[in-house]
């Protein structure tokens, strides 16, 4: 498993974001999930300009958890194509980054 720590970004409808975040933490796919917002997303989708109210979920996780996060999002996320972007943590506090990996490797 790749233990590179970082943050993963997931956007979700306001009424679903907290449940998605909680599930990711309960299943130890993220050590922490922060739900922020509301925010307005403006984007191109199928040749149309779309505008939606969303919440942003910031996950503290590892690169090795991304496949499982993607799989879970496919099951619980209402979007046809959920956002999942991983940003490796560079220069983070070593103790905090170790907490992330330790939390995710601990028995459930």
PDB file of N, CA and C in Angstrom:
ATOM      1  N   UNK A   1       0.852  -1.182   0.000  1.00  0.00           N
ATOM      2  CA  UNK A   1       0.000   0.000   0.000  1.00  0.00           C
ATOM      3  C   UNK A   1       0.892   1.238   0.000  1.00  0.00           C
ATOM      4  N   UNK A   2       0.518   2.214  -0.786  1.00  0.00           N
ATOM      5  CA  UNK A   2       1.244   3.471  -0.837  1.00  0.00           C
ATOM      6  C   UNK A   2       0.809   4.323   0.352  1.00  0.00           C
ATOM      7  N   UNK A   3       1.747   4.689   1.210  1.00  0.00           N
ATOM      8  CA  UNK A   3       1.405   5.430   2.416  1.00  0.00           C
ATOM      9  C   UNK A   3       1.611   6.933   2.281  1.00  0.00           C
ATOM     10  N   UNK A   4       1.757   7.451   1.067  1.00  0.00           N
ATOM     11  CA  UNK A   4       1.902   8.890   0.900  1.00  0.00           C
ATOM     12  C   UNK A   4       0.637   9.572   1.392  1.00  0.00           C
ATOM     13  N   UNK A   5       0.789  10.468   2.367  1.00  0.00           N
ATOM     14  CA  UNK A   5      -0.363  11.154   2.928  1.00  0.00           C
ATOM     15  C   UNK A   5      -0.701  12.387   2.109  1.00  0.00           C
ATOM     16  N   UNK A   6      -1.952  12.820   2.253  1.00  0.00           N
ATOM     17  CA  UNK A   6      -2.386  14.018   1.555  1.00  0.00           C
ATOM     18  C   UNK A   6      -3.842  14.299   1.854  1.00  0.00           C
ATOM     19  N   UNK A   7      -4.396  15.169   1.061  1.00  0.00           N
ATOM     20  CA  UNK A   7      -5.813  15.480   1.179  1.00  0.00           C
ATOM     21  C   UNK A   7      -6.505  15.100  -0.123  1.00  0.00           C
ATOM     22  N   UNK A   8      -7.710  14.593   0.018  1.00  0.00           N
ATOM     23  CA  UNK A   8      -8.547  14.291  -1.129  1.00  0.00           C
ATOM     24  C   UNK A   8      -9.747  15.222  -1.062  1.00  0.00           C
ATOM     25  N   UNK A   9     -10.127  15.741  -2.201  1.00  0.00           N
ATOM     26  CA  UNK A   9     -11.259  16.656  -2.288  1.00  0.00           C
ATOM     27  C   UNK A   9     -12.428  15.963  -2.968  1.00  0.00           C
ATOM     28  N   UNK A  10     -13.601  16.101  -2.359  1.00  0.00           N
ATOM     29  CA  UNK A  10     -14.829  15.530  -2.896  1.00  0.00           C
ATOM     30  C   UNK A  10     -15.916  16.583  -2.739  1.00  0.00           C
ATOM     31  N   UNK A  11     -16.624  16.907  -3.807  1.00  0.00           N
ATOM     32  CA  UNK A  11     -17.768  17.805  -3.668  1.00  0.00           C
ATOM     33  C   UNK A  11     -19.038  16.956  -3.661  1.00  0.00           C
ATOM     34  N   UNK A  12     -20.061  17.462  -2.980  1.00  0.00           N
ATOM     35  CA  UNK A  12     -21.304  16.702  -2.844  1.00  0.00           C
ATOM     36  C   UNK A  12     -22.463  17.663  -2.606  1.00  0.00           C
ATOM     37  N   UNK A  13     -23.682  17.201  -2.892  1.00  0.00           N
ATOM     38  CA  UNK A  13     -24.847  18.029  -2.569  1.00  0.00           C
ATOM     39  C   UNK A  13     -24.917  18.267  -1.062  1.00  0.00           C
ATOM     40  N   UNK A  14     -25.398  19.438  -0.651  1.00  0.00           N
ATOM     41  CA  UNK A  14     -25.444  19.761   0.781  1.00  0.00           C
ATOM     42  C   UNK A  14     -26.137  18.705   1.641  1.00  0.00           C
ATOM     43  N   UNK A  15     -27.177  18.095   1.126  1.00  0.00           N
ATOM     44  CA  UNK A  15     -27.950  17.135   1.931  1.00  0.00           C
ATOM     45  C   UNK A  15     -27.262  15.771   2.041  1.00  0.00           C
ATOM     46  N   UNK A  16     -26.217  15.520   1.274  1.00  0.00           N
ATOM     47  CA  UNK A  16     -25.518  14.226   1.292  1.00  0.00           C
ATOM     48  C   UNK A  16     -24.101  14.295   1.844  1.00  0.00           C
ATOM     49  N   UNK A  17     -23.509  15.481   1.877  1.00  0.00           N
ATOM     50  CA  UNK A  17     -22.075  15.619   2.177  1.00  0.00           C
ATOM     51  C   UNK A  17     -21.689  15.059   3.544  1.00  0.00           C
ATOM     52  N   UNK A  18     -22.450  15.380   4.576  1.00  0.00           N
ATOM     53  CA  UNK A  18     -22.079  14.937   5.922  1.00  0.00           C
ATOM     54  C   UNK A  18     -22.138  13.411   6.039  1.00  0.00           C
ATOM     55  N   UNK A  19     -23.134  12.795   5.446  1.00  0.00           N
ATOM     56  CA  UNK A  19     -23.249  11.333   5.507  1.00  0.00           C
ATOM     57  C   UNK A  19     -22.102  10.663   4.749  1.00  0.00           C
ATOM     58  N   UNK A  20     -21.727  11.215   3.612  1.00  0.00           N
ATOM     59  CA  UNK A  20     -20.612  10.673   2.844  1.00  0.00           C
ATOM     60  C   UNK A  20     -19.319  10.807   3.655  1.00  0.00           C
ATOM     61  N   UNK A  21     -19.088  11.977   4.240  1.00  0.00           N
ATOM     62  CA  UNK A  21     -17.882  12.215   5.039  1.00  0.00           C
ATOM     63  C   UNK A  21     -17.818  11.247   6.215  1.00  0.00           C
ATOM     64  N   UNK A  22     -18.909  11.095   6.915  1.00  0.00           N
ATOM     65  CA  UNK A  22     -18.957  10.199   8.083  1.00  0.00           C
ATOM     66  C   UNK A  22     -18.633   8.757   7.668  1.00  0.00           C
ATOM     67  N   UNK A  23     -19.210   8.313   6.566  1.00  0.00           N
ATOM     68  CA  UNK A  23     -18.985   6.938   6.097  1.00  0.00           C
ATOM     69  C   UNK A  23     -17.512   6.700   5.767  1.00  0.00           C
ATOM     70  N   UNK A  24     -16.879   7.678   5.125  1.00  0.00           N
ATOM     71  CA  UNK A  24     -15.462   7.538   4.777  1.00  0.00           C
ATOM     72  C   UNK A  24     -14.581   7.428   6.016  1.00  0.00           C
ATOM     73  N   UNK A  25     -14.927   8.145   7.078  1.00  0.00           N
ATOM     74  CA  UNK A  25     -14.150   8.069   8.320  1.00  0.00           C
ATOM     75  C   UNK A  25     -14.455   6.757   9.053  1.00  0.00           C
ATOM     76  N   UNK A  26     -15.713   6.386   9.144  1.00  0.00           N
ATOM     77  CA  UNK A  26     -16.095   5.152   9.841  1.00  0.00           C
ATOM     78  C   UNK A  26     -15.425   3.940   9.195  1.00  0.00           C
ATOM     79  N   UNK A  27     -15.328   3.947   7.873  1.00  0.00           N
ATOM     80  CA  UNK A  27     -14.711   2.817   7.169  1.00  0.00           C
ATOM     81  C   UNK A  27     -13.190   2.940   7.069  1.00  0.00           C
ATOM     82  N   UNK A  28     -12.625   3.908   7.792  1.00  0.00           N
ATOM     83  CA  UNK A  28     -11.176   4.135   7.857  1.00  0.00           C
ATOM     84  C   UNK A  28     -10.541   4.360   6.489  1.00  0.00           C
ATOM     85  N   UNK A  29     -11.269   5.066   5.642  1.00  0.00           N
ATOM     86  CA  UNK A  29     -10.712   5.488   4.360  1.00  0.00           C
ATOM     87  C   UNK A  29     -10.150   6.893   4.471  1.00  0.00           C
ATOM     88  N   UNK A  30     -10.525   7.589   5.532  1.00  0.00           N
ATOM     89  CA  UNK A  30      -9.988   8.906   5.857  1.00  0.00           C
ATOM     90  C   UNK A  30      -9.846   8.989   7.372  1.00  0.00           C
ATOM     91  N   UNK A  31      -8.760   9.602   7.827  1.00  0.00           N
ATOM     92  CA  UNK A  31      -8.569   9.798   9.260  1.00  0.00           C
ATOM     93  C   UNK A  31      -9.451  10.931   9.767  1.00  0.00           C
ATOM     94  N   UNK A  32      -9.752  11.869   8.891  1.00  0.00           N
ATOM     95  CA  UNK A  32     -10.559  13.040   9.221  1.00  0.00           C
ATOM     96  C   UNK A  32     -11.250  13.500   7.955  1.00  0.00           C
ATOM     97  N   UNK A  33     -12.466  13.984   8.100  1.00  0.00           N
ATOM     98  CA  UNK A  33     -13.197  14.569   6.974  1.00  0.00           C
ATOM     99  C   UNK A  33     -13.790  15.889   7.436  1.00  0.00           C
ATOM    100  N   UNK A  34     -13.512  16.936   6.699  1.00  0.00           N
ATOM    101  CA  UNK A  34     -14.063  18.250   7.011  1.00  0.00           C
ATOM    102  C   UNK A  34     -15.056  18.621   5.916  1.00  0.00           C
ATOM    103  N   UNK A  35     -16.241  19.023   6.331  1.00  0.00           N
ATOM    104  CA  UNK A  35     -17.278  19.439   5.382  1.00  0.00           C
ATOM    105  C   UNK A  35     -17.407  20.948   5.481  1.00  0.00           C
ATOM    106  N   UNK A  36     -17.143  21.633   4.386  1.00  0.00           N
ATOM    107  CA  UNK A  36     -17.247  23.087   4.376  1.00  0.00           C
ATOM    108  C   UNK A  36     -18.281  23.528   3.353  1.00  0.00           C
ATOM    109  N   UNK A  37     -18.600  24.775   3.418  1.00  0.00           N
ATOM    110  CA  UNK A  37     -19.573  25.318   2.468  1.00  0.00           C
ATOM    111  C   UNK A  37     -20.587  26.138   3.220  1.00  0.00           C
ATOM    112  N   UNK A  38     -21.627  26.540   2.586  1.00  0.00           N
ATOM    113  CA  UNK A  38     -21.954  26.190   1.199  1.00  0.00           C
ATOM    114  C   UNK A  38     -21.050  26.910   0.209  1.00  0.00           C
ATOM    115  N   UNK A  39     -20.951  26.308  -0.956  1.00  0.00           N
ATOM    116  CA  UNK A  39     -20.212  26.931  -2.041  1.00  0.00           C
ATOM    117  C   UNK A  39     -21.007  26.750  -3.322  1.00  0.00           C
ATOM    118  N   UNK A  40     -20.706  27.582  -4.291  1.00  0.00           N
ATOM    119  CA  UNK A  40     -21.351  27.486  -5.589  1.00  0.00           C
ATOM    120  C   UNK A  40     -20.337  26.956  -6.588  1.00  0.00           C
ATOM    121  N   UNK A  41     -20.672  25.859  -7.247  1.00  0.00           N
ATOM    122  CA  UNK A  41     -19.819  25.300  -8.291  1.00  0.00           C
ATOM    123  C   UNK A  41     -20.407  25.662  -9.646  1.00  0.00           C
ATOM    124  N   UNK A  42     -19.563  26.190 -10.506  1.00  0.00           N
ATOM    125  CA  UNK A  42     -19.953  26.526 -11.884  1.00  0.00           C
ATOM    126  C   UNK A  42     -19.047  25.703 -12.779  1.00  0.00           C
ATOM    127  N   UNK A  43     -19.643  24.890 -13.646  1.00  0.00           N
ATOM    128  CA  UNK A  43     -18.847  23.943 -14.425  1.00  0.00           C
ATOM    129  C   UNK A  43     -19.542  23.581 -15.739  1.00  0.00           C
ATOM    130  N   UNK A  44     -18.742  23.035 -16.659  1.00  0.00           N
ATOM    131  CA  UNK A  44     -19.261  22.522 -17.925  1.00  0.00           C
ATOM    132  C   UNK A  44     -19.618  21.050 -17.751  1.00  0.00           C
ATOM    133  N   UNK A  45     -20.816  20.679 -18.188  1.00  0.00           N
ATOM    134  CA  UNK A  45     -21.223  19.267 -18.139  1.00  0.00           C
ATOM    135  C   UNK A  45     -22.093  18.988 -19.346  1.00  0.00           C
ATOM    136  N   UNK A  46     -21.610  18.122 -20.205  1.00  0.00           N
ATOM    137  CA  UNK A  46     -22.351  17.711 -21.403  1.00  0.00           C
ATOM    138  C   UNK A  46     -22.812  18.901 -22.236  1.00  0.00           C
ATOM    139  N   UNK A  47     -21.847  19.768 -22.528  1.00  0.00           N
ATOM    140  CA  UNK A  47     -22.075  20.935 -23.389  1.00  0.00           C
ATOM    141  C   UNK A  47     -22.954  22.014 -22.752  1.00  0.00           C
ATOM    142  N   UNK A  48     -23.219  21.899 -21.464  1.00  0.00           N
ATOM    143  CA  UNK A  48     -24.040  22.890 -20.769  1.00  0.00           C
ATOM    144  C   UNK A  48     -23.247  23.530 -19.638  1.00  0.00           C
ATOM    145  N   UNK A  49     -23.516  24.804 -19.390  1.00  0.00           N
ATOM    146  CA  UNK A  49     -22.952  25.481 -18.233  1.00  0.00           C
ATOM    147  C   UNK A  49     -23.889  25.227 -17.057  1.00  0.00           C
ATOM    148  N   UNK A  50     -23.358  24.606 -16.010  1.00  0.00           N
ATOM    149  CA  UNK A  50     -24.148  24.237 -14.835  1.00  0.00           C
ATOM    150  C   UNK A  50     -23.734  25.084 -13.644  1.00  0.00           C
ATOM    151  N   UNK A  51     -24.653  25.269 -12.715  1.00  0.00           N
ATOM    152  CA  UNK A  51     -24.378  25.968 -11.460  1.00  0.00           C
ATOM    153  C   UNK A  51     -25.152  25.271 -10.357  1.00  0.00           C
ATOM    154  N   UNK A  52     -24.421  24.792  -9.335  1.00  0.00           N
ATOM    155  CA  UNK A  52     -25.027  24.027  -8.246  1.00  0.00           C
ATOM    156  C   UNK A  52     -24.486  24.485  -6.902  1.00  0.00           C
ATOM    157  N   UNK A  53     -25.315  24.391  -5.885  1.00  0.00           N
ATOM    158  CA  UNK A  53     -24.870  24.578  -4.511  1.00  0.00           C
ATOM    159  C   UNK A  53     -24.299  23.245  -4.037  1.00  0.00           C
ATOM    160  N   UNK A  54     -23.120  23.285  -3.425  1.00  0.00           N
ATOM    161  CA  UNK A  54     -22.462  22.069  -2.966  1.00  0.00           C
ATOM    162  C   UNK A  54     -21.763  22.319  -1.640  1.00  0.00           C
ATOM    163  N   UNK A  55     -21.251  21.250  -1.086  1.00  0.00           N
ATOM    164  CA  UNK A  55     -20.348  21.279   0.060  1.00  0.00           C
ATOM    165  C   UNK A  55     -19.056  20.622  -0.394  1.00  0.00           C
ATOM    166  N   UNK A  56     -17.939  21.067   0.168  1.00  0.00           N
ATOM    167  CA  UNK A  56     -16.651  20.469  -0.142  1.00  0.00           C
ATOM    168  C   UNK A  56     -16.219  19.604   1.037  1.00  0.00           C
ATOM    169  N   UNK A  57     -15.887  18.363   0.740  1.00  0.00           N
ATOM    170  CA  UNK A  57     -15.387  17.437   1.753  1.00  0.00           C
ATOM    171  C   UNK A  57     -13.875  17.335   1.555  1.00  0.00           C
ATOM    172  N   UNK A  58     -13.127  17.671   2.603  1.00  0.00           N
ATOM    173  CA  UNK A  58     -11.672  17.569   2.574  1.00  0.00           C
ATOM    174  C   UNK A  58     -11.302  16.371   3.438  1.00  0.00           C
ATOM    175  N   UNK A  59     -10.689  15.378   2.820  1.00  0.00           N
ATOM    176  CA  UNK A  59     -10.335  14.144   3.506  1.00  0.00           C
ATOM    177  C   UNK A  59      -8.841  14.116   3.805  1.00  0.00           C
ATOM    178  N   UNK A  60      -8.462  13.762   5.023  1.00  0.00           N
ATOM    179  CA  UNK A  60      -7.065  13.497   5.364  1.00  0.00           C
ATOM    180  C   UNK A  60      -6.885  12.000   5.186  1.00  0.00           C
ATOM    181  N   UNK A  61      -6.074  11.599   4.215  1.00  0.00           N
ATOM    182  CA  UNK A  61      -5.998  10.196   3.851  1.00  0.00           C
ATOM    183  C   UNK A  61      -4.637   9.871   3.258  1.00  0.00           C
ATOM    184  N   UNK A  62      -4.513   8.684   2.701  1.00  0.00           N
ATOM    185  CA  UNK A  62      -3.290   8.277   2.023  1.00  0.00           C
ATOM    186  C   UNK A  62      -3.617   7.883   0.586  1.00  0.00           C
ATOM    187  N   UNK A  63      -2.603   7.932  -0.254  1.00  0.00           N
ATOM    188  CA  UNK A  63      -2.786   7.549  -1.655  1.00  0.00           C
ATOM    189  C   UNK A  63      -3.246   6.102  -1.771  1.00  0.00           C
ATOM    190  N   UNK A  64      -2.830   5.272  -0.844  1.00  0.00           N
ATOM    191  CA  UNK A  64      -3.227   3.868  -0.869  1.00  0.00           C
ATOM    192  C   UNK A  64      -4.704   3.632  -0.628  1.00  0.00           C
ATOM    193  N   UNK A  65      -5.421   4.609  -0.128  1.00  0.00           N
ATOM    194  CA  UNK A  65      -6.859   4.475   0.133  1.00  0.00           C
ATOM    195  C   UNK A  65      -7.717   4.954  -1.042  1.00  0.00           C
ATOM    196  N   UNK A  66      -7.101   5.537  -2.056  1.00  0.00           N
ATOM    197  CA  UNK A  66      -7.876   6.180  -3.124  1.00  0.00           C
ATOM    198  C   UNK A  66      -8.775   5.223  -3.897  1.00  0.00           C
ATOM    199  N   UNK A  67      -8.308   4.032  -4.197  1.00  0.00           N
ATOM    200  CA  UNK A  67      -9.141   3.082  -4.938  1.00  0.00           C
ATOM    201  C   UNK A  67     -10.391   2.728  -4.133  1.00  0.00           C
ATOM    202  N   UNK A  68     -10.226   2.515  -2.832  1.00  0.00           N
ATOM    203  CA  UNK A  68     -11.379   2.186  -1.983  1.00  0.00           C
ATOM    204  C   UNK A  68     -12.306   3.387  -1.832  1.00  0.00           C
ATOM    205  N   UNK A  69     -11.746   4.591  -1.756  1.00  0.00           N
ATOM    206  CA  UNK A  69     -12.583   5.801  -1.695  1.00  0.00           C
ATOM    207  C   UNK A  69     -13.396   5.917  -2.976  1.00  0.00           C
ATOM    208  N   UNK A  70     -12.743   5.723  -4.119  1.00  0.00           N
ATOM    209  CA  UNK A  70     -13.429   5.792  -5.412  1.00  0.00           C
ATOM    210  C   UNK A  70     -14.570   4.769  -5.475  1.00  0.00           C
ATOM    211  N   UNK A  71     -14.304   3.570  -4.990  1.00  0.00           N
ATOM    212  CA  UNK A  71     -15.315   2.517  -5.005  1.00  0.00           C
ATOM    213  C   UNK A  71     -16.502   2.889  -4.113  1.00  0.00           C
ATOM    214  N   UNK A  72     -16.216   3.381  -2.909  1.00  0.00           N
ATOM    215  CA  UNK A  72     -17.292   3.774  -2.004  1.00  0.00           C
ATOM    216  C   UNK A  72     -18.110   4.930  -2.579  1.00  0.00           C
ATOM    217  N   UNK A  73     -17.435   5.915  -3.164  1.00  0.00           N
ATOM    218  CA  UNK A  73     -18.162   7.028  -3.773  1.00  0.00           C
ATOM    219  C   UNK A  73     -19.099   6.522  -4.872  1.00  0.00           C
ATOM    220  N   UNK A  74     -18.658   5.532  -5.620  1.00  0.00           N
ATOM    221  CA  UNK A  74     -19.509   4.950  -6.651  1.00  0.00           C
ATOM    222  C   UNK A  74     -20.779   4.337  -6.090  1.00  0.00           C
ATOM    223  N   UNK A  75     -20.733   3.913  -4.832  1.00  0.00           N
ATOM    224  CA  UNK A  75     -21.894   3.300  -4.181  1.00  0.00           C
ATOM    225  C   UNK A  75     -22.813   4.315  -3.500  1.00  0.00           C
ATOM    226  N   UNK A  76     -22.239   5.356  -2.886  1.00  0.00           N
ATOM    227  CA  UNK A  76     -23.042   6.234  -2.033  1.00  0.00           C
ATOM    228  C   UNK A  76     -23.240   7.649  -2.563  1.00  0.00           C
ATOM    229  N   UNK A  77     -22.439   8.046  -3.546  1.00  0.00           N
ATOM    230  CA  UNK A  77     -22.503   9.425  -4.038  1.00  0.00           C
ATOM    231  C   UNK A  77     -23.569   9.532  -5.124  1.00  0.00           C
ATOM    232  N   UNK A  78     -24.401  10.583  -5.088  1.00  0.00           N
ATOM    233  CA  UNK A  78     -25.483  10.689  -6.070  1.00  0.00           C
ATOM    234  C   UNK A  78     -25.040  11.134  -7.471  1.00  0.00           C
ATOM    235  N   UNK A  79     -23.826  11.653  -7.610  1.00  0.00           N
ATOM    236  CA  UNK A  79     -23.381  12.132  -8.921  1.00  0.00           C
ATOM    237  C   UNK A  79     -22.938  10.982  -9.816  1.00  0.00           C
ATOM    238  N   UNK A  80     -23.164  11.148 -11.092  1.00  0.00           N
ATOM    239  CA  UNK A  80     -22.693  10.183 -12.079  1.00  0.00           C
ATOM    240  C   UNK A  80     -21.163  10.134 -12.098  1.00  0.00           C
ATOM    241  N   UNK A  81     -20.539  11.283 -11.892  1.00  0.00           N
ATOM    242  CA  UNK A  81     -19.082  11.393 -11.910  1.00  0.00           C
ATOM    243  C   UNK A  81     -18.632  12.228 -10.710  1.00  0.00           C
ATOM    244  N   UNK A  82     -18.494  11.591  -9.523  1.00  0.00           N
ATOM    245  CA  UNK A  82     -18.100  12.358  -8.330  1.00  0.00           C
ATOM    246  C   UNK A  82     -16.671  12.883  -8.459  1.00  0.00           C
ATOM    247  N   UNK A  83     -16.463  14.070  -7.918  1.00  0.00           N
ATOM    248  CA  UNK A  83     -15.115  14.636  -7.853  1.00  0.00           C
ATOM    249  C   UNK A  83     -14.282  13.836  -6.860  1.00  0.00           C
ATOM    250  N   UNK A  84     -13.070  13.505  -7.263  1.00  0.00           N
ATOM    251  CA  UNK A  84     -12.094  12.932  -6.348  1.00  0.00           C
ATOM    252  C   UNK A  84     -10.728  13.380  -6.841  1.00  0.00           C
ATOM    253  N   UNK A  85     -10.117  14.288  -6.094  1.00  0.00           N
ATOM    254  CA  UNK A  85      -8.803  14.823  -6.425  1.00  0.00           C
ATOM    255  C   UNK A  85      -7.915  14.624  -5.205  1.00  0.00           C
ATOM    256  N   UNK A  86      -6.717  14.077  -5.428  1.00  0.00           N
ATOM    257  CA  UNK A  86      -5.778  13.835  -4.329  1.00  0.00           C
ATOM    258  C   UNK A  86      -4.600  14.791  -4.455  1.00  0.00           C
ATOM    259  N   UNK A  87      -4.284  15.461  -3.360  1.00  0.00           N
ATOM    260  CA  UNK A  87      -3.150  16.385  -3.303  1.00  0.00           C
ATOM    261  C   UNK A  87      -2.180  15.871  -2.245  1.00  0.00           C
ATOM    262  N   UNK A  88      -1.001  15.392  -2.663  1.00  0.00           N
ATOM    263  CA  UNK A  88      -0.038  14.893  -1.682  1.00  0.00           C
ATOM    264  C   UNK A  88       0.384  15.993  -0.713  1.00  0.00           C
ATOM    265  N   UNK A  89       0.589  15.598   0.533  1.00  0.00           N
ATOM    266  CA  UNK A  89       1.017  16.555   1.564  1.00  0.00           C
ATOM    267  C   UNK A  89       2.527  16.708   1.477  1.00  0.00           C
ATOM    268  N   UNK A  90       2.951  17.898   1.157  1.00  0.00           N
ATOM    269  CA  UNK A  90       4.384  18.179   1.123  1.00  0.00           C
ATOM    270  C   UNK A  90       4.742  19.107   2.268  1.00  0.00           C
ATOM    271  N   UNK A  91       5.701  18.711   3.067  1.00  0.00           N
ATOM    272  CA  UNK A  91       6.160  19.580   4.139  1.00  0.00           C
ATOM    273  C   UNK A  91       5.230  19.671   5.328  1.00  0.00           C
ATOM    274  N   UNK A  92       4.303  18.735   5.451  1.00  0.00           N
ATOM    275  CA  UNK A  92       3.404  18.754   6.600  1.00  0.00           C
ATOM    276  C   UNK A  92       4.132  18.371   7.881  1.00  0.00           C
ATOM    277  N   UNK A  93       3.498  18.626   9.002  1.00  0.00           N
ATOM    278  CA  UNK A  93       4.045  18.251  10.295  1.00  0.00           C
ATOM    279  C   UNK A  93       4.178  16.726  10.334  1.00  0.00           C
ATOM    280  N   UNK A  94       5.385  16.194  10.530  1.00  0.00           N
ATOM    281  CA  UNK A  94       5.576  14.745  10.512  1.00  0.00           C
ATOM    282  C   UNK A  94       4.688  14.003  11.520  1.00  0.00           C
ATOM    283  N   UNK A  95       4.481  14.569  12.693  1.00  0.00           N
ATOM    284  CA  UNK A  95       3.640  13.908  13.697  1.00  0.00           C
ATOM    285  C   UNK A  95       2.193  13.842  13.226  1.00  0.00           C
ATOM    286  N   UNK A  96       1.710  14.900  12.589  1.00  0.00           N
ATOM    287  CA  UNK A  96       0.328  14.902  12.087  1.00  0.00           C
ATOM    288  C   UNK A  96       0.184  13.897  10.945  1.00  0.00           C
ATOM    289  N   UNK A  97       1.139  13.877  10.030  1.00  0.00           N
ATOM    290  CA  UNK A  97       1.075  12.934   8.913  1.00  0.00           C
ATOM    291  C   UNK A  97       1.146  11.495   9.411  1.00  0.00           C
ATOM    292  N   UNK A  98       1.947  11.258  10.455  1.00  0.00           N
ATOM    293  CA  UNK A  98       2.033   9.925  11.055  1.00  0.00           C
ATOM    294  C   UNK A  98       0.692   9.553  11.701  1.00  0.00           C
ATOM    295  N   UNK A  99       0.018  10.531  12.331  1.00  0.00           N
ATOM    296  CA  UNK A  99      -1.307  10.274  12.904  1.00  0.00           C
ATOM    297  C   UNK A  99      -2.266   9.780  11.818  1.00  0.00           C
ATOM    298  N   UNK A 100      -2.222  10.391  10.648  1.00  0.00           N
ATOM    299  CA  UNK A 100      -3.092   9.954   9.549  1.00  0.00           C
ATOM    300  C   UNK A 100      -2.819   8.495   9.201  1.00  0.00           C
ATOM    301  N   UNK A 101      -1.567   8.175   8.944  1.00  0.00           N
ATOM    302  CA  UNK A 101      -1.253   6.787   8.545  1.00  0.00           C
ATOM    303  C   UNK A 101      -1.528   5.802   9.680  1.00  0.00           C
ATOM    304  N   UNK A 102      -1.221   6.178  10.905  1.00  0.00           N
ATOM    305  CA  UNK A 102      -1.498   5.294  12.048  1.00  0.00           C
ATOM    306  C   UNK A 102      -2.990   5.051  12.203  1.00  0.00           C
ATOM    307  N   UNK A 103      -3.786   6.105  12.054  1.00  0.00           N
ATOM    308  CA  UNK A 103      -5.240   5.973  12.192  1.00  0.00           C
ATOM    309  C   UNK A 103      -5.812   5.063  11.125  1.00  0.00           C
ATOM    310  N   UNK A 104      -5.322   5.191   9.922  1.00  0.00           N
ATOM    311  CA  UNK A 104      -5.866   4.400   8.818  1.00  0.00           C
ATOM    312  C   UNK A 104      -5.362   2.962   8.814  1.00  0.00           C
ATOM    313  N   UNK A 105      -4.282   2.693   9.517  1.00  0.00           N
ATOM    314  CA  UNK A 105      -3.777   1.324   9.560  1.00  0.00           C
ATOM    315  C   UNK A 105      -4.218   0.576  10.821  1.00  0.00           C
ATOM    316  N   UNK A 106      -4.842   1.285  11.756  1.00  0.00           N
ATOM    317  CA  UNK A 106      -5.318   0.655  12.998  1.00  0.00           C
ATOM    318  C   UNK A 106      -6.503  -0.259  12.682  1.00  0.00           C
ATOM    319  N   UNK A 107      -6.616  -1.346  13.436  1.00  0.00           N
ATOM    320  CA  UNK A 107      -7.772  -2.235  13.238  1.00  0.00           C
ATOM    321  C   UNK A 107      -9.078  -1.489  13.502  1.00  0.00           C
ATOM    322  N   UNK A 108     -10.080  -1.786  12.688  1.00  0.00           N
ATOM    323  CA  UNK A 108     -11.375  -1.122  12.769  1.00  0.00           C
ATOM    324  C   UNK A 108     -12.089  -1.433  14.012  1.00  0.00           C
TER     325      UNK A 108
END
